[in-house]
Amino acid sequence: MTPHELTRYRGLPASGVRYKISSGNIGNVFAIRNATGALYVAKALDYEKIKKYELRLTASDNFKENYTTVLINVRDVNDNPPVFEKSSYRTQITEEDDRGLPKRVLRQLLLNPGLQA
């Protein structure tokens, strides 16, 4: 999975400040560029498993440190494919039946029904 940039701090690269995720990075889902502070999603997020993250970030210049907290709420999306009600269907039509009317209605079930896109 390609990392997606969440935010970037535009500090001076020559300043010697280094950034790291100190805590809250369950499953190492996020990554940070230690020279720029750019925070990325490094692995797939799963709303059904973890709905929010609270990351503690540290900035250090080898003499002093400063901390901040980043709260990330994961938004639910329909990540499940639709499923047909049955695995197979049978129907019969005659060769004269060419009116373009529906012959059978196929129904599908959505596993995340509130999130129809």
C-alpha atoms as a PDB file:
ATOM      1  CA  MET A   1       0.000   0.000   0.000  1.00  0.00           C
ATOM      2  CA  THR A   2       1.315   3.434  -0.898  1.00  0.00           C
ATOM      3  CA  PRO A   3       1.702   5.779   2.084  1.00  0.00           C
ATOM      4  CA  HIS A   4      -0.635   8.795   2.034  1.00  0.00           C
ATOM      5  CA  GLU A   5       0.553  12.068   3.496  1.00  0.00           C
ATOM      6  CA  LEU A   6      -1.688  13.429   6.252  1.00  0.00           C
ATOM      7  CA  THR A   7       0.127  16.603   7.165  1.00  0.00           C
ATOM      8  CA  ARG A   8       3.527  18.188   6.806  1.00  0.00           C
ATOM      9  CA  TYR A   9       5.455  20.539   9.034  1.00  0.00           C
ATOM     10  CA  ARG A  10       7.582  22.807   6.884  1.00  0.00           C
ATOM     11  CA  GLY A  11      10.542  23.265   9.181  1.00  0.00           C
ATOM     12  CA  LEU A  12      14.072  23.860   8.052  1.00  0.00           C
ATOM     13  CA  PRO A  13      15.711  20.532   7.163  1.00  0.00           C
ATOM     14  CA  ALA A  14      19.079  21.872   8.332  1.00  0.00           C
ATOM     15  CA  SER A  15      17.659  22.726  11.766  1.00  0.00           C
ATOM     16  CA  GLY A  16      18.577  19.305  13.140  1.00  0.00           C
ATOM     17  CA  VAL A  17      15.075  18.698  14.485  1.00  0.00           C
ATOM     18  CA  ARG A  18      14.019  15.052  14.319  1.00  0.00           C
ATOM     19  CA  TYR A  19      10.470  13.755  14.622  1.00  0.00           C
ATOM     20  CA  LYS A  20       9.146  10.423  15.833  1.00  0.00           C
ATOM     21  CA  ILE A  21       5.911   8.749  16.883  1.00  0.00           C
ATOM     22  CA  SER A  22       6.385   8.141  20.613  1.00  0.00           C
ATOM     23  CA  SER A  23       3.200   6.195  21.351  1.00  0.00           C
ATOM     24  CA  GLY A  24      -0.267   5.240  20.153  1.00  0.00           C
ATOM     25  CA  ASN A  25       0.823   3.767  16.831  1.00  0.00           C
ATOM     26  CA  ILE A  26      -1.094   0.479  17.206  1.00  0.00           C
ATOM     27  CA  GLY A  27       0.073  -1.999  14.569  1.00  0.00           C
ATOM     28  CA  ASN A  28       2.525   0.577  13.148  1.00  0.00           C
ATOM     29  CA  VAL A  29      -0.256   1.862  10.892  1.00  0.00           C
ATOM     30  CA  PHE A  30       1.318   5.324  10.702  1.00  0.00           C
ATOM     31  CA  ALA A  31       4.816   6.465   9.783  1.00  0.00           C
ATOM     32  CA  ILE A  32       6.607   9.781  10.123  1.00  0.00           C
ATOM     33  CA  ARG A  33       9.523  11.209   8.174  1.00  0.00           C
ATOM     34  CA  ASN A  34      12.028  11.934  10.896  1.00  0.00           C
ATOM     35  CA  ALA A  35      13.584  14.928   9.097  1.00  0.00           C
ATOM     36  CA  THR A  36      10.365  16.695   8.007  1.00  0.00           C
ATOM     37  CA  GLY A  37       7.639  15.556  10.397  1.00  0.00           C
ATOM     38  CA  ALA A  38       5.415  14.415   7.509  1.00  0.00           C
ATOM     39  CA  LEU A  39       2.923  11.930   8.958  1.00  0.00           C
ATOM     40  CA  TYR A  40       1.723   9.109   6.695  1.00  0.00           C
ATOM     41  CA  VAL A  41      -0.708   6.206   6.669  1.00  0.00           C
ATOM     42  CA  ALA A  42       1.659   3.266   6.125  1.00  0.00           C
ATOM     43  CA  LYS A  43      -0.783   0.319   6.389  1.00  0.00           C
ATOM     44  CA  ALA A  44      -4.456  -0.239   5.685  1.00  0.00           C
ATOM     45  CA  LEU A  45      -6.858   1.188   8.257  1.00  0.00           C
ATOM     46  CA  ASP A  46      -9.828  -0.907   9.399  1.00  0.00           C
ATOM     47  CA  TYR A  47     -12.715   0.986  10.994  1.00  0.00           C
ATOM     48  CA  GLU A  48     -14.259  -2.233  12.298  1.00  0.00           C
ATOM     49  CA  LYS A  49     -11.098  -2.923  14.351  1.00  0.00           C
ATOM     50  CA  ILE A  50      -9.920   0.538  15.452  1.00  0.00           C
ATOM     51  CA  LYS A  51     -12.077   3.652  15.122  1.00  0.00           C
ATOM     52  CA  LYS A  52      -9.607   6.238  16.415  1.00  0.00           C
ATOM     53  CA  TYR A  53      -5.931   6.685  17.149  1.00  0.00           C
ATOM     54  CA  GLU A  54      -4.213   8.999  19.586  1.00  0.00           C
ATOM     55  CA  LEU A  55      -0.608   9.470  18.498  1.00  0.00           C
ATOM     56  CA  ARG A  56       1.989  11.205  20.618  1.00  0.00           C
ATOM     57  CA  LEU A  57       4.659  12.857  18.480  1.00  0.00           C
ATOM     58  CA  THR A  58       8.068  13.999  19.658  1.00  0.00           C
ATOM     59  CA  ALA A  59      10.272  16.679  18.101  1.00  0.00           C
ATOM     60  CA  SER A  60      13.881  16.695  19.287  1.00  0.00           C
ATOM     61  CA  ASP A  61      17.048  18.621  18.449  1.00  0.00           C
ATOM     62  CA  ASN A  62      19.226  16.361  20.663  1.00  0.00           C
ATOM     63  CA  PHE A  63      19.149  18.969  23.441  1.00  0.00           C
ATOM     64  CA  LYS A  64      15.453  19.512  24.070  1.00  0.00           C
ATOM     65  CA  GLU A  65      12.235  17.724  23.216  1.00  0.00           C
ATOM     66  CA  ASN A  66       8.698  18.889  22.631  1.00  0.00           C
ATOM     67  CA  TYR A  67       5.542  16.802  22.351  1.00  0.00           C
ATOM     68  CA  THR A  68       2.154  17.028  20.729  1.00  0.00           C
ATOM     69  CA  THR A  69      -0.840  14.760  20.424  1.00  0.00           C
ATOM     70  CA  VAL A  70      -2.542  13.970  17.122  1.00  0.00           C
ATOM     71  CA  LEU A  71      -6.074  12.555  17.247  1.00  0.00           C
ATOM     72  CA  ILE A  72      -7.125  10.586  14.167  1.00  0.00           C
ATOM     73  CA  ASN A  73     -10.719   9.459  13.639  1.00  0.00           C
ATOM     74  CA  VAL A  74     -11.082   6.695  11.054  1.00  0.00           C
ATOM     75  CA  ARG A  75     -14.101   7.161   8.807  1.00  0.00           C
ATOM     76  CA  ASP A  76     -16.086   4.066   7.858  1.00  0.00           C
ATOM     77  CA  VAL A  77     -16.419   3.227   4.172  1.00  0.00           C
ATOM     78  CA  ASN A  78     -18.160   0.318   2.517  1.00  0.00           C
ATOM     79  CA  ASP A  79     -15.145  -1.919   2.008  1.00  0.00           C
ATOM     80  CA  ASN A  80     -17.181  -5.090   1.506  1.00  0.00           C
ATOM     81  CA  PRO A  81     -18.323  -6.270  -1.927  1.00  0.00           C
ATOM     82  CA  PRO A  82     -22.059  -6.730  -2.488  1.00  0.00           C
ATOM     83  CA  VAL A  83     -23.292 -10.312  -2.102  1.00  0.00           C
ATOM     84  CA  PHE A  84     -26.123 -11.883  -4.098  1.00  0.00           C
ATOM     85  CA  GLU A  85     -28.972 -13.374  -2.109  1.00  0.00           C
ATOM     86  CA  LYS A  86     -28.513 -16.730  -3.902  1.00  0.00           C
ATOM     87  CA  SER A  87     -25.454 -18.302  -5.498  1.00  0.00           C
ATOM     88  CA  SER A  88     -27.349 -19.139  -8.739  1.00  0.00           C
ATOM     89  CA  TYR A  89     -30.654 -18.297 -10.411  1.00  0.00           C
ATOM     90  CA  ARG A  90     -32.795 -20.123 -13.029  1.00  0.00           C
ATOM     91  CA  THR A  91     -35.501 -18.742 -15.230  1.00  0.00           C
ATOM     92  CA  GLN A  92     -37.180 -19.554 -18.540  1.00  0.00           C
ATOM     93  CA  ILE A  93     -38.209 -17.230 -21.331  1.00  0.00           C
ATOM     94  CA  THR A  94     -39.665 -17.864 -24.765  1.00  0.00           C
ATOM     95  CA  GLU A  95     -38.056 -16.653 -27.965  1.00  0.00           C
ATOM     96  CA  GLU A  96     -41.067 -14.412 -28.628  1.00  0.00           C
ATOM     97  CA  ASP A  97     -40.653 -12.658 -25.280  1.00  0.00           C
ATOM     98  CA  ASP A  98     -38.558  -9.705 -26.458  1.00  0.00           C
ATOM     99  CA  ARG A  99     -40.428  -6.780 -24.878  1.00  0.00           C
ATOM    100  CA  GLY A 100     -37.390  -5.698 -22.840  1.00  0.00           C
ATOM    101  CA  LEU A 101     -39.229  -6.182 -19.566  1.00  0.00           C
ATOM    102  CA  PRO A 102     -37.392  -7.531 -16.542  1.00  0.00           C
ATOM    103  CA  LYS A 103     -37.613 -11.309 -16.418  1.00  0.00           C
ATOM    104  CA  ARG A 104     -36.304 -11.708 -12.893  1.00  0.00           C
ATOM    105  CA  VAL A 105     -35.143  -9.266 -10.264  1.00  0.00           C
ATOM    106  CA  LEU A 106     -31.800 -10.139  -8.700  1.00  0.00           C
ATOM    107  CA  ARG A 107     -31.273  -8.878  -5.179  1.00  0.00           C
ATOM    108  CA  GLN A 108     -27.979  -8.273  -3.510  1.00  0.00           C
ATOM    109  CA  LEU A 109     -27.143  -7.741   0.115  1.00  0.00           C
ATOM    110  CA  LEU A 110     -24.802  -5.003   1.301  1.00  0.00           C
ATOM    111  CA  LEU A 111     -22.633  -5.876   4.275  1.00  0.00           C
ATOM    112  CA  ASN A 112     -22.324  -2.187   5.240  1.00  0.00           C
ATOM    113  CA  PRO A 113     -25.879  -1.088   4.310  1.00  0.00           C
ATOM    114  CA  GLY A 114     -25.647   2.423   5.762  1.00  0.00           C
ATOM    115  CA  LEU A 115     -22.705   3.300   3.524  1.00  0.00           C
ATOM    116  CA  GLN A 116     -24.046   2.916  -0.003  1.00  0.00           C
ATOM    117  CA  ALA A 117     -21.834   4.886  -2.360  1.00  0.00           C
END
